[in-house]
């Protein structure tokens, strides 16, 4: 299988902005209004926001390539970059997004396994993530990987408040 992962740098900001916006839109546009989608994409994926997130030393972004073409990306957070207050021994998987045309090639699981490797290298005891309560495919995927729901938090898509399930997986060393 021709899958590779490379860490993103500030020089990748425009490409990350493009892939981030496109994968998010592909994943959620059918379940959200155009107005709310546009508002969220402008807030979360404007170039200044992408550069700010890339510059945070507690966040890391990685492109995944499939046959030398960028197919998606991973974002992980530790410390104060996590989107919820968690223990210092936690790693957050904030985003695993794969372009539709590259789905069903094992890329999401590949990125998940890389995140687990990073967490173990940093001696984290757990990994966690937030997943939209209506994203049944993702919830099933994470349950198969051993995650359990431990809570929920609000996520705003434009002016609509939505609920993300907090799911946690304890790591076995």
N, C-alpha and C. Protein backbone atom coordinates (compact mmCIF):
# COMPACT_ATOMS: atom_id res chain seq x y z
N UNK A 1 0.84 -1.17 0.00
CA UNK A 1 0.00 0.00 0.00
C UNK A 1 0.88 1.24 0.00
N UNK A 2 0.57 2.19 -0.84
CA UNK A 2 1.39 3.39 -0.98
C UNK A 2 0.80 4.54 -0.16
N UNK A 3 0.95 4.45 1.18
CA UNK A 3 0.45 5.47 2.10
C UNK A 3 1.64 6.07 2.84
N UNK A 4 1.66 7.40 2.91
CA UNK A 4 2.71 8.09 3.66
C UNK A 4 2.10 9.22 4.47
N UNK A 5 2.82 9.63 5.49
CA UNK A 5 2.39 10.73 6.34
C UNK A 5 3.55 11.71 6.49
N UNK A 6 3.26 13.00 6.33
CA UNK A 6 4.29 14.02 6.52
C UNK A 6 3.75 15.12 7.43
N UNK A 7 4.61 15.62 8.29
CA UNK A 7 4.21 16.68 9.21
C UNK A 7 4.08 18.00 8.45
N UNK A 8 3.04 18.74 8.76
CA UNK A 8 2.80 20.04 8.12
C UNK A 8 3.61 21.12 8.84
N UNK A 9 4.06 22.09 8.07
CA UNK A 9 4.76 23.25 8.60
C UNK A 9 4.00 24.51 8.15
N UNK A 10 4.46 25.66 8.60
CA UNK A 10 3.82 26.91 8.18
C UNK A 10 3.79 27.08 6.66
N UNK A 11 4.79 26.51 5.99
CA UNK A 11 4.82 26.60 4.52
C UNK A 11 3.65 25.84 3.89
N UNK A 12 3.02 24.95 4.65
CA UNK A 12 1.89 24.16 4.14
C UNK A 12 0.54 24.80 4.45
N UNK A 13 0.53 26.01 4.99
CA UNK A 13 -0.72 26.62 5.47
C UNK A 13 -1.80 26.69 4.39
N UNK A 14 -1.46 27.12 3.20
CA UNK A 14 -2.47 27.26 2.15
C UNK A 14 -3.01 25.90 1.72
N UNK A 15 -2.13 24.91 1.60
CA UNK A 15 -2.58 23.57 1.23
C UNK A 15 -3.45 22.98 2.33
N UNK A 16 -3.06 23.20 3.59
CA UNK A 16 -3.85 22.71 4.72
C UNK A 16 -5.21 23.40 4.77
N UNK A 17 -5.22 24.70 4.51
CA UNK A 17 -6.48 25.44 4.46
C UNK A 17 -7.40 24.83 3.41
N UNK A 18 -6.87 24.55 2.25
CA UNK A 18 -7.66 24.00 1.15
C UNK A 18 -8.18 22.60 1.48
N UNK A 19 -7.30 21.72 1.94
CA UNK A 19 -7.70 20.34 2.23
C UNK A 19 -8.63 20.29 3.44
N UNK A 20 -8.37 21.15 4.44
CA UNK A 20 -9.22 21.19 5.62
C UNK A 20 -10.63 21.64 5.29
N UNK A 21 -10.73 22.70 4.53
CA UNK A 21 -12.02 23.23 4.14
C UNK A 21 -12.79 22.22 3.27
N UNK A 22 -12.09 21.62 2.33
CA UNK A 22 -12.75 20.69 1.40
C UNK A 22 -13.23 19.43 2.12
N UNK A 23 -12.40 18.85 2.98
CA UNK A 23 -12.81 17.62 3.66
C UNK A 23 -13.95 17.90 4.63
N UNK A 24 -13.90 19.04 5.32
CA UNK A 24 -14.98 19.36 6.26
C UNK A 24 -16.29 19.54 5.50
N UNK A 25 -16.23 20.27 4.40
CA UNK A 25 -17.44 20.51 3.61
C UNK A 25 -18.00 19.20 3.06
N UNK A 26 -17.14 18.36 2.51
CA UNK A 26 -17.60 17.07 1.98
C UNK A 26 -18.28 16.24 3.07
N UNK A 27 -17.72 16.28 4.27
CA UNK A 27 -18.22 15.44 5.36
C UNK A 27 -19.55 15.93 5.90
N UNK A 28 -19.74 17.25 5.99
CA UNK A 28 -20.90 17.77 6.73
C UNK A 28 -21.88 18.64 5.95
N UNK A 29 -21.62 18.92 4.66
CA UNK A 29 -22.49 19.87 3.96
C UNK A 29 -23.93 19.36 3.79
N UNK A 30 -24.11 18.05 3.69
CA UNK A 30 -25.47 17.53 3.49
C UNK A 30 -26.35 17.67 4.73
N UNK A 31 -25.74 17.78 5.91
CA UNK A 31 -26.51 17.85 7.15
C UNK A 31 -26.60 19.26 7.73
N UNK A 32 -26.07 20.25 7.03
CA UNK A 32 -26.04 21.61 7.55
C UNK A 32 -26.45 22.61 6.47
N UNK A 33 -26.97 23.76 6.92
CA UNK A 33 -27.37 24.79 5.96
C UNK A 33 -26.14 25.39 5.30
N UNK A 34 -26.34 25.89 4.09
CA UNK A 34 -25.24 26.56 3.37
C UNK A 34 -24.71 27.74 4.16
N UNK A 35 -25.62 28.49 4.79
CA UNK A 35 -25.23 29.67 5.57
C UNK A 35 -24.31 29.27 6.73
N UNK A 36 -24.70 28.26 7.49
CA UNK A 36 -23.89 27.83 8.63
C UNK A 36 -22.57 27.20 8.19
N UNK A 37 -22.60 26.46 7.10
CA UNK A 37 -21.36 25.86 6.58
C UNK A 37 -20.39 26.96 6.17
N UNK A 38 -20.89 27.93 5.43
CA UNK A 38 -20.04 29.04 4.98
C UNK A 38 -19.44 29.79 6.17
N UNK A 39 -20.26 30.08 7.18
CA UNK A 39 -19.79 30.81 8.36
C UNK A 39 -18.71 30.01 9.09
N UNK A 40 -18.92 28.71 9.24
CA UNK A 40 -17.93 27.89 9.95
C UNK A 40 -16.62 27.82 9.17
N UNK A 41 -16.71 27.57 7.87
CA UNK A 41 -15.49 27.46 7.07
C UNK A 41 -14.69 28.76 7.09
N UNK A 42 -15.38 29.90 7.04
CA UNK A 42 -14.69 31.19 7.07
C UNK A 42 -14.00 31.42 8.41
N UNK A 43 -14.60 30.91 9.49
CA UNK A 43 -14.01 31.09 10.82
C UNK A 43 -12.87 30.10 11.07
N UNK A 44 -13.11 28.83 10.79
CA UNK A 44 -12.17 27.78 11.16
C UNK A 44 -11.03 27.60 10.16
N UNK A 45 -11.25 27.96 8.90
CA UNK A 45 -10.25 27.68 7.89
C UNK A 45 -9.76 28.93 7.15
N UNK A 46 -9.89 30.10 7.78
CA UNK A 46 -9.25 31.26 7.16
C UNK A 46 -7.74 31.11 7.37
N UNK A 47 -6.96 31.74 6.53
CA UNK A 47 -5.51 31.50 6.54
C UNK A 47 -4.87 31.92 7.87
N UNK A 48 -5.34 32.99 8.48
CA UNK A 48 -4.76 33.40 9.76
C UNK A 48 -5.01 32.36 10.85
N UNK A 49 -6.21 31.78 10.87
CA UNK A 49 -6.52 30.74 11.85
C UNK A 49 -5.67 29.49 11.62
N UNK A 50 -5.52 29.09 10.37
CA UNK A 50 -4.71 27.92 10.05
C UNK A 50 -3.26 28.16 10.47
N UNK A 51 -2.72 29.34 10.17
CA UNK A 51 -1.34 29.65 10.56
C UNK A 51 -1.18 29.68 12.08
N UNK A 52 -2.19 30.20 12.78
CA UNK A 52 -2.15 30.23 14.25
C UNK A 52 -2.09 28.81 14.81
N UNK A 53 -2.94 27.93 14.29
CA UNK A 53 -2.96 26.55 14.77
C UNK A 53 -1.66 25.83 14.43
N UNK A 54 -1.12 26.06 13.23
CA UNK A 54 0.15 25.45 12.83
C UNK A 54 1.30 25.92 13.70
N UNK A 55 1.21 27.14 14.22
CA UNK A 55 2.28 27.72 15.03
C UNK A 55 2.24 27.29 16.50
N UNK A 56 1.16 26.66 16.91
CA UNK A 56 1.03 26.24 18.30
C UNK A 56 1.90 25.00 18.53
N UNK A 57 2.89 25.08 19.42
CA UNK A 57 3.78 23.93 19.64
C UNK A 57 3.08 22.72 20.26
N UNK A 58 1.87 22.90 20.80
CA UNK A 58 1.13 21.79 21.39
C UNK A 58 0.17 21.13 20.40
N UNK A 59 0.18 21.59 19.15
CA UNK A 59 -0.63 21.00 18.09
C UNK A 59 0.28 20.52 16.97
N UNK A 60 -0.12 19.42 16.34
CA UNK A 60 0.63 18.91 15.20
C UNK A 60 -0.36 18.51 14.11
N UNK A 61 -0.02 18.85 12.88
CA UNK A 61 -0.81 18.48 11.70
C UNK A 61 0.04 17.58 10.82
N UNK A 62 -0.61 16.62 10.17
CA UNK A 62 0.06 15.71 9.26
C UNK A 62 -0.82 15.48 8.04
N UNK A 63 -0.21 15.56 6.86
CA UNK A 63 -0.90 15.16 5.64
C UNK A 63 -0.73 13.66 5.47
N UNK A 64 -1.77 13.00 4.98
CA UNK A 64 -1.64 11.61 4.56
C UNK A 64 -1.74 11.61 3.04
N UNK A 65 -0.80 10.92 2.41
CA UNK A 65 -0.82 10.81 0.95
C UNK A 65 -1.10 9.37 0.56
N UNK A 66 -1.80 9.23 -0.53
CA UNK A 66 -2.14 7.92 -1.09
C UNK A 66 -1.71 7.97 -2.54
N UNK A 67 -0.74 7.13 -2.90
CA UNK A 67 -0.13 7.17 -4.24
C UNK A 67 0.32 8.58 -4.60
N UNK A 68 1.02 9.20 -3.65
CA UNK A 68 1.64 10.52 -3.81
C UNK A 68 0.67 11.68 -3.99
N UNK A 69 -0.59 11.49 -3.64
CA UNK A 69 -1.57 12.56 -3.70
C UNK A 69 -2.12 12.80 -2.28
N UNK A 70 -2.20 14.07 -1.87
CA UNK A 70 -2.74 14.37 -0.53
C UNK A 70 -4.18 13.90 -0.48
N UNK A 71 -4.45 13.02 0.50
CA UNK A 71 -5.77 12.41 0.62
C UNK A 71 -6.53 12.90 1.84
N UNK A 72 -5.83 13.54 2.78
CA UNK A 72 -6.48 14.00 3.99
C UNK A 72 -5.45 14.45 5.00
N UNK A 73 -5.88 14.60 6.25
CA UNK A 73 -4.94 15.06 7.26
C UNK A 73 -5.39 14.67 8.66
N UNK A 74 -4.45 14.79 9.58
CA UNK A 74 -4.63 14.51 10.99
C UNK A 74 -4.20 15.73 11.78
N UNK A 75 -4.96 16.06 12.83
CA UNK A 75 -4.53 17.10 13.78
C UNK A 75 -4.62 16.50 15.17
N UNK A 76 -3.52 16.58 15.93
CA UNK A 76 -3.50 16.13 17.32
C UNK A 76 -3.07 17.29 18.22
N UNK A 77 -3.59 17.27 19.45
CA UNK A 77 -3.30 18.32 20.43
C UNK A 77 -2.91 17.70 21.76
N UNK A 78 -2.01 18.38 22.45
CA UNK A 78 -1.67 18.03 23.83
C UNK A 78 -1.73 19.31 24.65
N UNK A 79 -1.58 19.16 25.96
CA UNK A 79 -1.52 20.33 26.84
C UNK A 79 -2.67 21.29 26.65
N UNK A 80 -2.34 22.58 26.61
CA UNK A 80 -3.38 23.60 26.54
C UNK A 80 -3.99 23.77 25.15
N UNK A 81 -3.51 23.04 24.16
CA UNK A 81 -4.10 23.11 22.82
C UNK A 81 -5.36 22.24 22.71
N UNK A 82 -5.57 21.37 23.69
CA UNK A 82 -6.73 20.49 23.63
C UNK A 82 -8.02 21.33 23.72
N UNK A 83 -9.04 20.90 23.00
CA UNK A 83 -10.28 21.68 22.93
C UNK A 83 -11.17 21.50 24.17
N UNK A 84 -10.79 20.64 25.07
CA UNK A 84 -11.44 20.47 26.37
C UNK A 84 -10.34 20.33 27.41
N UNK A 85 -10.64 20.71 28.64
CA UNK A 85 -9.66 20.50 29.71
C UNK A 85 -9.54 19.01 29.98
N UNK A 86 -8.34 18.51 29.86
CA UNK A 86 -8.07 17.09 30.10
C UNK A 86 -6.80 16.98 30.94
N UNK A 87 -6.55 15.78 31.40
CA UNK A 87 -5.32 15.52 32.14
C UNK A 87 -4.11 15.78 31.26
N UNK A 88 -2.97 16.01 31.91
CA UNK A 88 -1.73 16.21 31.17
C UNK A 88 -1.29 14.94 30.44
N UNK A 89 -1.86 13.80 30.79
CA UNK A 89 -1.45 12.55 30.14
C UNK A 89 -2.40 12.17 28.99
N UNK A 90 -3.07 13.18 28.41
CA UNK A 90 -4.03 12.95 27.33
C UNK A 90 -3.53 13.54 26.01
N UNK A 91 -3.90 12.88 24.93
CA UNK A 91 -3.66 13.40 23.58
C UNK A 91 -5.02 13.45 22.90
N UNK A 92 -5.34 14.60 22.33
CA UNK A 92 -6.60 14.77 21.60
C UNK A 92 -6.37 14.55 20.11
N UNK A 93 -7.22 13.73 19.52
CA UNK A 93 -7.30 13.66 18.06
C UNK A 93 -8.40 14.64 17.68
N UNK A 94 -8.00 15.83 17.26
CA UNK A 94 -9.02 16.84 16.94
C UNK A 94 -9.62 16.61 15.57
N UNK A 95 -8.80 16.17 14.63
CA UNK A 95 -9.33 15.97 13.27
C UNK A 95 -8.64 14.79 12.59
N UNK A 96 -9.45 13.92 12.05
CA UNK A 96 -9.02 12.93 11.05
C UNK A 96 -10.00 13.10 9.90
N UNK A 97 -9.54 13.69 8.82
CA UNK A 97 -10.40 13.93 7.67
C UNK A 97 -9.75 13.37 6.41
N UNK A 98 -10.55 12.63 5.67
CA UNK A 98 -10.12 12.02 4.41
C UNK A 98 -11.06 12.48 3.30
N UNK A 99 -10.50 12.92 2.19
CA UNK A 99 -11.32 13.31 1.04
C UNK A 99 -12.19 12.13 0.60
N UNK A 100 -13.41 12.42 0.16
CA UNK A 100 -14.34 11.36 -0.23
C UNK A 100 -13.74 10.36 -1.22
N UNK A 101 -13.00 10.86 -2.20
CA UNK A 101 -12.49 9.95 -3.23
C UNK A 101 -11.42 8.99 -2.71
N UNK A 102 -10.93 9.23 -1.50
CA UNK A 102 -9.91 8.34 -0.90
C UNK A 102 -10.46 7.51 0.26
N UNK A 103 -11.77 7.60 0.49
CA UNK A 103 -12.37 6.83 1.59
C UNK A 103 -12.31 5.34 1.25
N UNK A 104 -12.37 4.52 2.28
CA UNK A 104 -12.41 3.06 2.16
C UNK A 104 -11.08 2.46 1.71
N UNK A 105 -9.96 3.17 1.99
CA UNK A 105 -8.63 2.64 1.69
C UNK A 105 -7.81 2.44 2.96
N UNK A 106 -8.45 2.55 4.11
CA UNK A 106 -7.75 2.36 5.38
C UNK A 106 -6.96 3.56 5.85
N UNK A 107 -7.18 4.72 5.24
CA UNK A 107 -6.39 5.90 5.60
C UNK A 107 -6.76 6.46 6.97
N UNK A 108 -8.04 6.42 7.32
CA UNK A 108 -8.46 6.88 8.64
C UNK A 108 -7.84 6.04 9.74
N UNK A 109 -7.83 4.74 9.53
CA UNK A 109 -7.23 3.84 10.53
C UNK A 109 -5.71 4.05 10.58
N UNK A 110 -5.10 4.28 9.43
CA UNK A 110 -3.67 4.56 9.38
C UNK A 110 -3.34 5.79 10.23
N UNK A 111 -4.12 6.88 10.05
CA UNK A 111 -3.88 8.10 10.82
C UNK A 111 -4.16 7.87 12.30
N UNK A 112 -5.21 7.12 12.60
CA UNK A 112 -5.51 6.80 14.00
C UNK A 112 -4.32 6.06 14.63
N UNK A 113 -3.79 5.06 13.94
CA UNK A 113 -2.66 4.30 14.48
C UNK A 113 -1.44 5.19 14.69
N UNK A 114 -1.22 6.14 13.80
CA UNK A 114 -0.11 7.08 13.98
C UNK A 114 -0.33 7.95 15.21
N UNK A 115 -1.57 8.37 15.44
CA UNK A 115 -1.87 9.16 16.63
C UNK A 115 -1.62 8.35 17.90
N UNK A 116 -1.99 7.07 17.89
CA UNK A 116 -1.74 6.19 19.04
C UNK A 116 -0.23 6.07 19.27
N UNK A 117 0.54 5.89 18.19
CA UNK A 117 2.00 5.82 18.32
C UNK A 117 2.56 7.09 18.96
N UNK A 118 2.08 8.25 18.51
CA UNK A 118 2.55 9.52 19.08
C UNK A 118 2.20 9.60 20.56
N UNK A 119 0.98 9.22 20.91
CA UNK A 119 0.55 9.27 22.31
C UNK A 119 1.44 8.36 23.17
N UNK A 120 1.74 7.18 22.67
CA UNK A 120 2.57 6.25 23.44
C UNK A 120 4.00 6.76 23.57
N UNK A 121 4.52 7.37 22.51
CA UNK A 121 5.87 7.94 22.57
C UNK A 121 5.95 9.05 23.62
N UNK A 122 4.84 9.75 23.84
CA UNK A 122 4.79 10.85 24.82
C UNK A 122 4.31 10.35 26.19
N UNK A 123 4.15 9.04 26.33
CA UNK A 123 3.68 8.42 27.58
C UNK A 123 2.30 8.92 28.01
N UNK A 124 1.44 9.20 27.03
CA UNK A 124 0.06 9.56 27.35
C UNK A 124 -0.69 8.28 27.72
N UNK A 125 -1.59 8.38 28.69
CA UNK A 125 -2.38 7.22 29.12
C UNK A 125 -3.69 7.07 28.37
N UNK A 126 -4.11 8.15 27.71
CA UNK A 126 -5.37 8.05 26.96
C UNK A 126 -5.35 9.00 25.77
N UNK A 127 -6.18 8.64 24.81
CA UNK A 127 -6.46 9.50 23.67
C UNK A 127 -7.95 9.77 23.68
N UNK A 128 -8.32 10.92 23.18
CA UNK A 128 -9.73 11.27 23.18
C UNK A 128 -10.06 12.13 21.97
N UNK A 129 -11.34 12.27 21.71
CA UNK A 129 -11.80 13.06 20.58
C UNK A 129 -13.25 13.45 20.80
N UNK A 130 -13.69 14.43 20.06
CA UNK A 130 -15.09 14.82 20.01
C UNK A 130 -15.63 14.46 18.63
N UNK A 131 -16.81 13.86 18.59
CA UNK A 131 -17.41 13.47 17.32
C UNK A 131 -18.89 13.86 17.34
N UNK A 132 -19.34 14.46 16.25
CA UNK A 132 -20.71 14.94 16.15
C UNK A 132 -21.67 13.78 16.38
N UNK A 133 -22.67 14.00 17.23
CA UNK A 133 -23.60 12.93 17.59
C UNK A 133 -24.35 12.36 16.39
N UNK A 134 -24.43 13.10 15.28
CA UNK A 134 -25.13 12.60 14.09
C UNK A 134 -24.18 11.92 13.09
N UNK A 135 -22.89 11.89 13.39
CA UNK A 135 -21.92 11.27 12.49
C UNK A 135 -21.78 9.78 12.87
N UNK A 136 -22.80 9.02 12.51
CA UNK A 136 -22.89 7.63 12.93
C UNK A 136 -21.73 6.77 12.41
N UNK A 137 -21.27 7.04 11.19
CA UNK A 137 -20.14 6.27 10.66
C UNK A 137 -18.89 6.45 11.51
N UNK A 138 -18.61 7.70 11.89
CA UNK A 138 -17.43 7.97 12.71
C UNK A 138 -17.59 7.36 14.10
N UNK A 139 -18.77 7.48 14.69
CA UNK A 139 -19.00 6.92 16.02
C UNK A 139 -18.77 5.41 15.99
N UNK A 140 -19.30 4.73 14.99
CA UNK A 140 -19.10 3.28 14.86
C UNK A 140 -17.62 2.94 14.69
N UNK A 141 -16.93 3.73 13.87
CA UNK A 141 -15.50 3.52 13.63
C UNK A 141 -14.73 3.62 14.95
N UNK A 142 -15.00 4.66 15.74
CA UNK A 142 -14.27 4.85 16.99
C UNK A 142 -14.63 3.79 18.02
N UNK A 143 -15.87 3.36 18.06
CA UNK A 143 -16.25 2.28 18.98
C UNK A 143 -15.50 0.99 18.64
N UNK A 144 -15.38 0.71 17.35
CA UNK A 144 -14.62 -0.49 16.93
C UNK A 144 -13.16 -0.40 17.36
N UNK A 145 -12.64 0.82 17.48
CA UNK A 145 -11.26 1.02 17.88
C UNK A 145 -11.09 1.05 19.40
N UNK A 146 -12.19 0.88 20.13
CA UNK A 146 -12.09 0.80 21.58
C UNK A 146 -12.42 2.06 22.35
N UNK A 147 -12.98 3.07 21.68
CA UNK A 147 -13.36 4.30 22.37
C UNK A 147 -14.71 4.10 23.08
N UNK A 148 -14.87 4.79 24.21
CA UNK A 148 -16.15 4.81 24.91
C UNK A 148 -16.54 6.26 25.15
N UNK A 149 -17.84 6.51 25.10
CA UNK A 149 -18.32 7.87 25.34
C UNK A 149 -18.23 8.19 26.82
N UNK A 150 -17.65 9.36 27.13
CA UNK A 150 -17.52 9.77 28.52
C UNK A 150 -18.21 11.11 28.81
N UNK A 151 -18.73 11.76 27.77
CA UNK A 151 -19.37 13.05 27.97
C UNK A 151 -19.77 13.65 26.64
N UNK A 152 -20.03 14.97 26.67
CA UNK A 152 -20.43 15.69 25.45
C UNK A 152 -20.07 17.16 25.64
N UNK A 153 -19.95 17.86 24.52
CA UNK A 153 -19.77 19.31 24.58
C UNK A 153 -20.42 19.95 23.37
N UNK A 154 -20.62 21.26 23.46
CA UNK A 154 -21.26 22.00 22.37
C UNK A 154 -20.25 22.32 21.28
N UNK A 155 -20.73 22.31 20.05
CA UNK A 155 -19.95 22.67 18.88
C UNK A 155 -20.85 23.61 18.08
N UNK A 156 -20.32 24.75 17.66
CA UNK A 156 -21.15 25.69 16.92
C UNK A 156 -20.81 25.66 15.43
N UNK A 157 -21.84 25.36 14.65
CA UNK A 157 -21.76 25.39 13.18
C UNK A 157 -22.52 26.64 12.77
N UNK A 158 -21.76 27.72 12.56
CA UNK A 158 -22.42 29.00 12.32
C UNK A 158 -23.20 29.38 13.56
N UNK A 159 -24.53 29.61 13.41
CA UNK A 159 -25.35 29.99 14.56
C UNK A 159 -26.09 28.80 15.17
N UNK A 160 -25.80 27.59 14.71
CA UNK A 160 -26.47 26.40 15.23
C UNK A 160 -25.59 25.68 16.25
N UNK A 161 -26.15 25.46 17.43
CA UNK A 161 -25.43 24.70 18.46
C UNK A 161 -25.67 23.21 18.21
N UNK A 162 -24.59 22.46 18.11
CA UNK A 162 -24.66 21.02 17.91
C UNK A 162 -23.93 20.34 19.07
N UNK A 163 -24.11 19.03 19.18
CA UNK A 163 -23.49 18.29 20.27
C UNK A 163 -22.45 17.33 19.74
N UNK A 164 -21.25 17.42 20.29
CA UNK A 164 -20.19 16.46 20.01
C UNK A 164 -20.09 15.52 21.20
N UNK A 165 -19.99 14.23 20.92
CA UNK A 165 -19.77 13.24 21.96
C UNK A 165 -18.28 13.20 22.26
N UNK A 166 -17.92 13.19 23.54
CA UNK A 166 -16.53 13.03 23.95
C UNK A 166 -16.29 11.52 24.09
N UNK A 167 -15.32 11.01 23.35
CA UNK A 167 -15.01 9.58 23.38
C UNK A 167 -13.54 9.41 23.77
N UNK A 168 -13.28 8.45 24.65
CA UNK A 168 -11.95 8.24 25.21
C UNK A 168 -11.53 6.79 25.03
N UNK A 169 -10.23 6.62 24.77
CA UNK A 169 -9.64 5.28 24.72
C UNK A 169 -8.42 5.29 25.62
N UNK A 170 -8.40 4.38 26.58
CA UNK A 170 -7.23 4.21 27.44
C UNK A 170 -6.19 3.39 26.69
N UNK A 171 -4.94 3.77 26.82
CA UNK A 171 -3.87 3.07 26.11
C UNK A 171 -3.28 1.98 26.99
N UNK A 172 -2.98 0.88 26.36
CA UNK A 172 -2.37 -0.27 27.04
C UNK A 172 -0.90 -0.33 26.67
N UNK A 173 -0.05 -0.31 27.65
CA UNK A 173 1.40 -0.38 27.40
C UNK A 173 1.90 -1.77 27.67
